[in-house]
Amino acid sequence: MDSLTIRFAAADDDLERLAQLDSSHVPAAPQLVAEADGRVIAAVSTRDGHVIADPFTRSAEAVSLLRRRERQLKSDRPRATRRLTLRTAH
């Protein structure tokens, strides 16, 4: 593996093929993918963390990097603020 790119999945990424190779289902969108030498070898859902990977490629390091990036993105999301509504008696 000469290069590895972590990016959000694009419409032309064949995640269905990758899921079939992994005997799984396509992760829920949005997904991050790991692309090695121009080919998607792993994907992770940023929604639920479900991962698929090419079982015929050394993809453990790519999956590890995908999970790390997924955690970074989750920690960067603004936390929902809790709204407090006070009601006054009439």
PDB file of N, CA and C in Angstrom:
ATOM      1  N   MET A   1       0.851  -1.164   0.000  1.00  0.00           N
ATOM      2  CA  MET A   1       0.000   0.000   0.000  1.00  0.00           C
ATOM      3  C   MET A   1       0.901   1.232   0.000  1.00  0.00           C
ATOM      4  N   ASP A   2       0.870   1.983  -1.090  1.00  0.00           N
ATOM      5  CA  ASP A   2       1.721   3.166  -1.208  1.00  0.00           C
ATOM      6  C   ASP A   2       1.098   4.397  -0.567  1.00  0.00           C
ATOM      7  N   SER A   3      -0.202   4.541  -0.697  1.00  0.00           N
ATOM      8  CA  SER A   3      -0.857   5.711  -0.120  1.00  0.00           C
ATOM      9  C   SER A   3      -2.218   5.312   0.433  1.00  0.00           C
ATOM     10  N   LEU A   4      -2.644   6.044   1.451  1.00  0.00           N
ATOM     11  CA  LEU A   4      -3.947   5.788   2.059  1.00  0.00           C
ATOM     12  C   LEU A   4      -4.623   7.132   2.256  1.00  0.00           C
ATOM     13  N   THR A   5      -5.838   7.249   1.764  1.00  0.00           N
ATOM     14  CA  THR A   5      -6.618   8.470   1.897  1.00  0.00           C
ATOM     15  C   THR A   5      -7.881   8.159   2.680  1.00  0.00           C
ATOM     16  N   ILE A   6      -8.168   8.994   3.683  1.00  0.00           N
ATOM     17  CA  ILE A   6      -9.410   8.895   4.442  1.00  0.00           C
ATOM     18  C   ILE A   6     -10.267  10.067   3.984  1.00  0.00           C
ATOM     19  N   ARG A   7     -11.488   9.770   3.541  1.00  0.00           N
ATOM     20  CA  ARG A   7     -12.377  10.814   3.042  1.00  0.00           C
ATOM     21  C   ARG A   7     -13.822  10.363   3.208  1.00  0.00           C
ATOM     22  N   PHE A   8     -14.743  11.306   3.028  1.00  0.00           N
ATOM     23  CA  PHE A   8     -16.153  10.935   3.034  1.00  0.00           C
ATOM     24  C   PHE A   8     -16.476  10.187   1.749  1.00  0.00           C
ATOM     25  N   ALA A   9     -17.386   9.243   1.842  1.00  0.00           N
ATOM     26  CA  ALA A   9     -17.780   8.447   0.682  1.00  0.00           C
ATOM     27  C   ALA A   9     -18.439   9.334  -0.365  1.00  0.00           C
ATOM     28  N   ALA A  10     -18.221   8.980  -1.608  1.00  0.00           N
ATOM     29  CA  ALA A  10     -18.832   9.675  -2.741  1.00  0.00           C
ATOM     30  C   ALA A  10     -19.855   8.741  -3.395  1.00  0.00           C
ATOM     31  N   ALA A  11     -20.726   9.310  -4.189  1.00  0.00           N
ATOM     32  CA  ALA A  11     -21.784   8.535  -4.833  1.00  0.00           C
ATOM     33  C   ALA A  11     -21.229   7.422  -5.719  1.00  0.00           C
ATOM     34  N   ASP A  12     -20.047   7.620  -6.299  1.00  0.00           N
ATOM     35  CA  ASP A  12     -19.507   6.603  -7.212  1.00  0.00           C
ATOM     36  C   ASP A  12     -18.641   5.547  -6.515  1.00  0.00           C
ATOM     37  N   ASP A  13     -18.516   5.611  -5.193  1.00  0.00           N
ATOM     38  CA  ASP A  13     -17.807   4.559  -4.467  1.00  0.00           C
ATOM     39  C   ASP A  13     -18.705   3.326  -4.431  1.00  0.00           C
ATOM     40  N   ASP A  14     -18.168   2.188  -4.789  1.00  0.00           N
ATOM     41  CA  ASP A  14     -18.964   0.963  -4.850  1.00  0.00           C
ATOM     42  C   ASP A  14     -18.969   0.263  -3.491  1.00  0.00           C
ATOM     43  N   LEU A  15     -19.689   0.845  -2.542  1.00  0.00           N
ATOM     44  CA  LEU A  15     -19.733   0.266  -1.202  1.00  0.00           C
ATOM     45  C   LEU A  15     -20.548  -1.025  -1.154  1.00  0.00           C
ATOM     46  N   GLU A  16     -21.461  -1.185  -2.089  1.00  0.00           N
ATOM     47  CA  GLU A  16     -22.238  -2.433  -2.159  1.00  0.00           C
ATOM     48  C   GLU A  16     -21.309  -3.612  -2.451  1.00  0.00           C
ATOM     49  N   ARG A  17     -20.390  -3.428  -3.381  1.00  0.00           N
ATOM     50  CA  ARG A  17     -19.419  -4.489  -3.715  1.00  0.00           C
ATOM     51  C   ARG A  17     -18.542  -4.800  -2.507  1.00  0.00           C
ATOM     52  N   LEU A  18     -18.087  -3.755  -1.829  1.00  0.00           N
ATOM     53  CA  LEU A  18     -17.251  -3.941  -0.648  1.00  0.00           C
ATOM     54  C   LEU A  18     -18.023  -4.671   0.451  1.00  0.00           C
ATOM     55  N   ALA A  19     -19.285  -4.322   0.636  1.00  0.00           N
ATOM     56  CA  ALA A  19     -20.113  -4.990   1.641  1.00  0.00           C
ATOM     57  C   ALA A  19     -20.296  -6.471   1.295  1.00  0.00           C
ATOM     58  N   GLN A  20     -20.479  -6.773   0.027  1.00  0.00           N
ATOM     59  CA  GLN A  20     -20.624  -8.174  -0.394  1.00  0.00           C
ATOM     60  C   GLN A  20     -19.345  -8.958  -0.124  1.00  0.00           C
ATOM     61  N   LEU A  21     -18.193  -8.352  -0.408  1.00  0.00           N
ATOM     62  CA  LEU A  21     -16.921  -9.023  -0.122  1.00  0.00           C
ATOM     63  C   LEU A  21     -16.785  -9.330   1.367  1.00  0.00           C
ATOM     64  N   ASP A  22     -17.310  -8.429   2.198  1.00  0.00           N
ATOM     65  CA  ASP A  22     -17.211  -8.564   3.653  1.00  0.00           C
ATOM     66  C   ASP A  22     -18.384  -9.355   4.243  1.00  0.00           C
ATOM     67  N   SER A  23     -19.263  -9.854   3.387  1.00  0.00           N
ATOM     68  CA  SER A  23     -20.466 -10.587   3.829  1.00  0.00           C
ATOM     69  C   SER A  23     -21.255  -9.767   4.852  1.00  0.00           C
ATOM     70  N   SER A  24     -21.467  -8.513   4.517  1.00  0.00           N
ATOM     71  CA  SER A  24     -22.142  -7.594   5.421  1.00  0.00           C
ATOM     72  C   SER A  24     -23.069  -6.698   4.615  1.00  0.00           C
ATOM     73  N   HIS A  25     -23.468  -5.594   5.222  1.00  0.00           N
ATOM     74  CA  HIS A  25     -24.311  -4.616   4.544  1.00  0.00           C
ATOM     75  C   HIS A  25     -23.590  -3.273   4.503  1.00  0.00           C
ATOM     76  N   VAL A  26     -24.040  -2.420   3.606  1.00  0.00           N
ATOM     77  CA  VAL A  26     -23.436  -1.094   3.471  1.00  0.00           C
ATOM     78  C   VAL A  26     -23.714  -0.305   4.750  1.00  0.00           C
ATOM     79  N   PRO A  27     -22.696   0.293   5.336  1.00  0.00           N
ATOM     80  CA  PRO A  27     -22.898   1.103   6.541  1.00  0.00           C
ATOM     81  C   PRO A  27     -23.830   2.285   6.273  1.00  0.00           C
ATOM     82  N   ALA A  28     -24.536   2.696   7.309  1.00  0.00           N
ATOM     83  CA  ALA A  28     -25.443   3.837   7.201  1.00  0.00           C
ATOM     84  C   ALA A  28     -24.655   5.096   6.855  1.00  0.00           C
ATOM     85  N   ALA A  29     -25.269   5.941   6.051  1.00  0.00           N
ATOM     86  CA  ALA A  29     -24.646   7.221   5.680  1.00  0.00           C
ATOM     87  C   ALA A  29     -24.757   8.198   6.841  1.00  0.00           C
ATOM     88  N   PRO A  30     -23.844   9.118   6.909  1.00  0.00           N
ATOM     89  CA  PRO A  30     -22.662   9.309   6.072  1.00  0.00           C
ATOM     90  C   PRO A  30     -21.553   8.324   6.439  1.00  0.00           C
ATOM     91  N   GLN A  31     -20.734   8.010   5.456  1.00  0.00           N
ATOM     92  CA  GLN A  31     -19.631   7.073   5.660  1.00  0.00           C
ATOM     93  C   GLN A  31     -18.296   7.730   5.356  1.00  0.00           C
ATOM     94  N   LEU A  32     -17.296   7.279   6.074  1.00  0.00           N
ATOM     95  CA  LEU A  32     -15.914   7.593   5.739  1.00  0.00           C
ATOM     96  C   LEU A  32     -15.352   6.370   5.034  1.00  0.00           C
ATOM     97  N   VAL A  33     -14.479   6.592   4.063  1.00  0.00           N
ATOM     98  CA  VAL A  33     -13.844   5.467   3.381  1.00  0.00           C
ATOM     99  C   VAL A  33     -12.336   5.607   3.455  1.00  0.00           C
ATOM    100  N   ALA A  34     -11.673   4.466   3.394  1.00  0.00           N
ATOM    101  CA  ALA A  34     -10.222   4.418   3.286  1.00  0.00           C
ATOM    102  C   ALA A  34      -9.920   3.964   1.862  1.00  0.00           C
ATOM    103  N   GLU A  35      -9.168   4.778   1.160  1.00  0.00           N
ATOM    104  CA  GLU A  35      -8.821   4.486  -0.224  1.00  0.00           C
ATOM    105  C   GLU A  35      -7.321   4.246  -0.305  1.00  0.00           C
ATOM    106  N   ALA A  36      -6.956   3.077  -0.799  1.00  0.00           N
ATOM    107  CA  ALA A  36      -5.545   2.723  -0.948  1.00  0.00           C
ATOM    108  C   ALA A  36      -5.242   2.520  -2.425  1.00  0.00           C
ATOM    109  N   ASP A  37      -4.261   3.248  -2.891  1.00  0.00           N
ATOM    110  CA  ASP A  37      -3.844   3.120  -4.287  1.00  0.00           C
ATOM    111  C   ASP A  37      -5.028   3.225  -5.248  1.00  0.00           C
ATOM    112  N   GLY A  38      -5.945   4.165  -4.954  1.00  0.00           N
ATOM    113  CA  GLY A  38      -7.080   4.421  -5.836  1.00  0.00           C
ATOM    114  C   GLY A  38      -8.260   3.500  -5.679  1.00  0.00           C
ATOM    115  N   ARG A  39      -8.256   2.621  -4.662  1.00  0.00           N
ATOM    116  CA  ARG A  39      -9.341   1.646  -4.475  1.00  0.00           C
ATOM    117  C   ARG A  39      -9.837   1.712  -3.038  1.00  0.00           C
ATOM    118  N   VAL A  40     -11.172   1.769  -2.868  1.00  0.00           N
ATOM    119  CA  VAL A  40     -11.760   1.794  -1.524  1.00  0.00           C
ATOM    120  C   VAL A  40     -11.606   0.408  -0.905  1.00  0.00           C
ATOM    121  N   ILE A  41     -10.940   0.357   0.273  1.00  0.00           N
ATOM    122  CA  ILE A  41     -10.705  -0.937   0.919  1.00  0.00           C
ATOM    123  C   ILE A  41     -11.452  -1.085   2.241  1.00  0.00           C
ATOM    124  N   ALA A  42     -12.022   0.015   2.744  1.00  0.00           N
ATOM    125  CA  ALA A  42     -12.784  -0.063   3.996  1.00  0.00           C
ATOM    126  C   ALA A  42     -13.683   1.158   4.106  1.00  0.00           C
ATOM    127  N   ALA A  43     -14.752   0.997   4.883  1.00  0.00           N
ATOM    128  CA  ALA A  43     -15.689   2.101   5.113  1.00  0.00           C
ATOM    129  C   ALA A  43     -16.270   1.972   6.505  1.00  0.00           C
ATOM    130  N   VAL A  44     -16.614   3.120   7.092  1.00  0.00           N
ATOM    131  CA  VAL A  44     -17.238   3.144   8.416  1.00  0.00           C
ATOM    132  C   VAL A  44     -18.372   4.159   8.393  1.00  0.00           C
ATOM    133  N   SER A  45     -19.453   3.827   9.077  1.00  0.00           N
ATOM    134  CA  SER A  45     -20.561   4.760   9.234  1.00  0.00           C
ATOM    135  C   SER A  45     -20.227   5.727  10.353  1.00  0.00           C
ATOM    136  N   THR A  46     -20.358   7.027  10.086  1.00  0.00           N
ATOM    137  CA  THR A  46     -20.153   7.998  11.157  1.00  0.00           C
ATOM    138  C   THR A  46     -21.395   8.103  12.029  1.00  0.00           C
ATOM    139  N   ARG A  47     -22.456   7.444  11.621  1.00  0.00           N
ATOM    140  CA  ARG A  47     -23.695   7.444  12.403  1.00  0.00           C
ATOM    141  C   ARG A  47     -23.664   6.367  13.483  1.00  0.00           C
ATOM    142  N   ASP A  48     -23.319   5.118  13.087  1.00  0.00           N
ATOM    143  CA  ASP A  48     -23.402   4.018  14.060  1.00  0.00           C
ATOM    144  C   ASP A  48     -22.112   3.218  14.223  1.00  0.00           C
ATOM    145  N   GLY A  49     -21.056   3.572  13.491  1.00  0.00           N
ATOM    146  CA  GLY A  49     -19.769   2.903  13.654  1.00  0.00           C
ATOM    147  C   GLY A  49     -19.617   1.574  12.937  1.00  0.00           C
ATOM    148  N   HIS A  50     -20.631   1.143  12.171  1.00  0.00           N
ATOM    149  CA  HIS A  50     -20.539  -0.127  11.429  1.00  0.00           C
ATOM    150  C   HIS A  50     -19.427  -0.028  10.383  1.00  0.00           C
ATOM    151  N   VAL A  51     -18.579  -1.052  10.339  1.00  0.00           N
ATOM    152  CA  VAL A  51     -17.420  -1.067   9.443  1.00  0.00           C
ATOM    153  C   VAL A  51     -17.520  -2.222   8.463  1.00  0.00           C
ATOM    154  N   ILE A  52     -17.089  -1.971   7.240  1.00  0.00           N
ATOM    155  CA  ILE A  52     -16.878  -3.037   6.257  1.00  0.00           C
ATOM    156  C   ILE A  52     -15.464  -2.864   5.712  1.00  0.00           C
ATOM    157  N   ALA A  53     -14.867  -4.004   5.325  1.00  0.00           N
ATOM    158  CA  ALA A  53     -13.503  -3.949   4.788  1.00  0.00           C
ATOM    159  C   ALA A  53     -13.286  -5.096   3.821  1.00  0.00           C
ATOM    160  N   ASP A  54     -12.400  -4.877   2.903  1.00  0.00           N
ATOM    161  CA  ASP A  54     -12.038  -5.895   1.921  1.00  0.00           C
ATOM    162  C   ASP A  54     -11.240  -6.989   2.629  1.00  0.00           C
ATOM    163  N   PRO A  55     -11.780  -8.215   2.704  1.00  0.00           N
ATOM    164  CA  PRO A  55     -11.077  -9.282   3.410  1.00  0.00           C
ATOM    165  C   PRO A  55      -9.847  -9.813   2.659  1.00  0.00           C
ATOM    166  N   PHE A  56      -9.688  -9.393   1.409  1.00  0.00           N
ATOM    167  CA  PHE A  56      -8.561  -9.859   0.606  1.00  0.00           C
ATOM    168  C   PHE A  56      -7.424  -8.835   0.555  1.00  0.00           C
ATOM    169  N   THR A  57      -7.555  -7.792   1.366  1.00  0.00           N
ATOM    170  CA  THR A  57      -6.552  -6.727   1.434  1.00  0.00           C
ATOM    171  C   THR A  57      -6.165  -6.523   2.886  1.00  0.00           C
ATOM    172  N   ARG A  58      -4.938  -6.202   3.119  1.00  0.00           N
ATOM    173  CA  ARG A  58      -4.517  -5.862   4.485  1.00  0.00           C
ATOM    174  C   ARG A  58      -5.158  -4.525   4.839  1.00  0.00           C
ATOM    175  N   SER A  59      -6.252  -4.606   5.595  1.00  0.00           N
ATOM    176  CA  SER A  59      -7.038  -3.397   5.847  1.00  0.00           C
ATOM    177  C   SER A  59      -7.152  -3.049   7.329  1.00  0.00           C
ATOM    178  N   ALA A  60      -6.514  -3.795   8.209  1.00  0.00           N
ATOM    179  CA  ALA A  60      -6.637  -3.536   9.650  1.00  0.00           C
ATOM    180  C   ALA A  60      -6.162  -2.130  10.008  1.00  0.00           C
ATOM    181  N   GLU A  61      -5.055  -1.685   9.447  1.00  0.00           N
ATOM    182  CA  GLU A  61      -4.556  -0.341   9.732  1.00  0.00           C
ATOM    183  C   GLU A  61      -5.519   0.714   9.198  1.00  0.00           C
ATOM    184  N   ALA A  62      -6.082   0.472   8.021  1.00  0.00           N
ATOM    185  CA  ALA A  62      -7.048   1.407   7.440  1.00  0.00           C
ATOM    186  C   ALA A  62      -8.285   1.509   8.325  1.00  0.00           C
ATOM    187  N   VAL A  63      -8.775   0.373   8.823  1.00  0.00           N
ATOM    188  CA  VAL A  63      -9.940   0.378   9.707  1.00  0.00           C
ATOM    189  C   VAL A  63      -9.623   1.139  10.994  1.00  0.00           C
ATOM    190  N   SER A  64      -8.453   0.932  11.524  1.00  0.00           N
ATOM    191  CA  SER A  64      -8.042   1.647  12.735  1.00  0.00           C
ATOM    192  C   SER A  64      -8.035   3.158  12.507  1.00  0.00           C
ATOM    193  N   LEU A  65      -7.505   3.589  11.370  1.00  0.00           N
ATOM    194  CA  LEU A  65      -7.477   5.015  11.048  1.00  0.00           C
ATOM    195  C   LEU A  65      -8.888   5.568  10.808  1.00  0.00           C
ATOM    196  N   LEU A  66      -9.742   4.767  10.174  1.00  0.00           N
ATOM    197  CA  LEU A  66     -11.136   5.194   9.974  1.00  0.00           C
ATOM    198  C   LEU A  66     -11.831   5.410  11.315  1.00  0.00           C
ATOM    199  N   ARG A  67     -11.650   4.465  12.226  1.00  0.00           N
ATOM    200  CA  ARG A  67     -12.285   4.588  13.549  1.00  0.00           C
ATOM    201  C   ARG A  67     -11.762   5.811  14.300  1.00  0.00           C
ATOM    202  N   ARG A  68     -10.460   6.056  14.182  1.00  0.00           N
ATOM    203  CA  ARG A  68      -9.878   7.220  14.846  1.00  0.00           C
ATOM    204  C   ARG A  68     -10.478   8.513  14.278  1.00  0.00           C
ATOM    205  N   ARG A  69     -10.578   8.589  12.954  1.00  0.00           N
ATOM    206  CA  ARG A  69     -11.145   9.790  12.326  1.00  0.00           C
ATOM    207  C   ARG A  69     -12.624   9.943  12.683  1.00  0.00           C
ATOM    208  N   GLU A  70     -13.342   8.838  12.746  1.00  0.00           N
ATOM    209  CA  GLU A  70     -14.754   8.881  13.136  1.00  0.00           C
ATOM    210  C   GLU A  70     -14.897   9.474  14.542  1.00  0.00           C
ATOM    211  N   ARG A  71     -14.050   9.030  15.467  1.00  0.00           N
ATOM    212  CA  ARG A  71     -14.082   9.571  16.842  1.00  0.00           C
ATOM    213  C   ARG A  71     -13.760  11.063  16.852  1.00  0.00           C
ATOM    214  N   GLN A  72     -12.794  11.466  16.047  1.00  0.00           N
ATOM    215  CA  GLN A  72     -12.452  12.886  15.976  1.00  0.00           C
ATOM    216  C   GLN A  72     -13.635  13.714  15.494  1.00  0.00           C
ATOM    217  N   LEU A  73     -14.307  13.231  14.475  1.00  0.00           N
ATOM    218  CA  LEU A  73     -15.456  13.963  13.951  1.00  0.00           C
ATOM    219  C   LEU A  73     -16.572  14.056  14.984  1.00  0.00           C
ATOM    220  N   LYS A  74     -16.796  12.974  15.719  1.00  0.00           N
ATOM    221  CA  LYS A  74     -17.836  12.995  16.747  1.00  0.00           C
ATOM    222  C   LYS A  74     -17.489  13.979  17.855  1.00  0.00           C
ATOM    223  N   SER A  75     -16.230  14.069  18.223  1.00  0.00           N
ATOM    224  CA  SER A  75     -15.851  14.981  19.297  1.00  0.00           C
ATOM    225  C   SER A  75     -15.870  16.434  18.825  1.00  0.00           C
ATOM    226  N   ASP A  76     -15.797  16.660  17.506  1.00  0.00           N
ATOM    227  CA  ASP A  76     -15.837  18.019  16.959  1.00  0.00           C
ATOM    228  C   ASP A  76     -17.259  18.550  16.820  1.00  0.00           C
ATOM    229  N   ARG A  77     -18.254  17.654  16.858  1.00  0.00           N
ATOM    230  CA  ARG A  77     -19.645  18.094  16.704  1.00  0.00           C
ATOM    231  C   ARG A  77     -20.059  18.933  17.894  1.00  0.00           C
ATOM    232  N   PRO A  78     -20.769  20.017  17.634  1.00  0.00           N
ATOM    233  CA  PRO A  78     -21.258  20.805  18.762  1.00  0.00           C
ATOM    234  C   PRO A  78     -22.286  19.993  19.556  1.00  0.00           C
ATOM    235  N   ARG A  79     -22.175  20.071  20.837  1.00  0.00           N
ATOM    236  CA  ARG A  79     -23.110  19.350  21.684  1.00  0.00           C
ATOM    237  C   ARG A  79     -24.436  20.099  21.703  1.00  0.00           C
ATOM    238  N   ALA A  80     -25.498  19.338  21.706  1.00  0.00           N
ATOM    239  CA  ALA A  80     -26.826  19.945  21.776  1.00  0.00           C
ATOM    240  C   ALA A  80     -26.991  20.635  23.121  1.00  0.00           C
ATOM    241  N   THR A  81     -27.522  21.806  23.079  1.00  0.00           N
ATOM    242  CA  THR A  81     -27.754  22.507  24.336  1.00  0.00           C
ATOM    243  C   THR A  81     -29.124  22.124  24.854  1.00  0.00           C
ATOM    244  N   ARG A  82     -29.190  22.025  26.125  1.00  0.00           N
ATOM    245  CA  ARG A  82     -30.447  21.642  26.743  1.00  0.00           C
ATOM    246  C   ARG A  82     -31.275  22.905  26.952  1.00  0.00           C
ATOM    247  N   ARG A  83     -32.484  22.876  26.477  1.00  0.00           N
ATOM    248  CA  ARG A  83     -33.360  24.031  26.593  1.00  0.00           C
ATOM    249  C   ARG A  83     -34.189  23.884  27.861  1.00  0.00           C
ATOM    250  N   LEU A  84     -34.188  24.917  28.629  1.00  0.00           N
ATOM    251  CA  LEU A  84     -34.948  24.930  29.881  1.00  0.00           C
ATOM    252  C   LEU A  84     -36.098  25.912  29.715  1.00  0.00           C
ATOM    253  N   THR A  85     -37.297  25.414  29.896  1.00  0.00           N
ATOM    254  CA  THR A  85     -38.474  26.255  29.782  1.00  0.00           C
ATOM    255  C   THR A  85     -39.081  26.412  31.174  1.00  0.00           C
ATOM    256  N   LEU A  86     -39.207  27.633  31.586  1.00  0.00           N
ATOM    257  CA  LEU A  86     -39.821  27.902  32.883  1.00  0.00           C
ATOM    258  C   LEU A  86     -41.251  28.355  32.655  1.00  0.00           C
ATOM    259  N   ARG A  87     -42.133  27.757  33.353  1.00  0.00           N
ATOM    260  CA  ARG A  87     -43.537  28.145  33.253  1.00  0.00           C
ATOM    261  C   ARG A  87     -43.924  28.853  34.538  1.00  0.00           C
ATOM    262  N   THR A  88     -44.625  29.903  34.354  1.00  0.00           N
ATOM    263  CA  THR A  88     -45.080  30.643  35.521  1.00  0.00           C
ATOM    264  C   THR A  88     -46.564  30.364  35.758  1.00  0.00           C
ATOM    265  N   ALA A  89     -46.927  30.308  37.000  1.00  0.00           N
ATOM    266  CA  ALA A  89     -48.328  30.075  37.344  1.00  0.00           C
ATOM    267  C   ALA A  89     -49.116  31.341  37.090  1.00  0.00           C
ATOM    268  N   HIS A  90     -50.298  31.195  36.593  1.00  0.00           N
ATOM    269  CA  HIS A  90     -51.153  32.354  36.324  1.00  0.00           C
ATOM    270  C   HIS A  90     -52.179  32.500  37.398  1.00  0.00           C
TER     271      HIS A  90
END
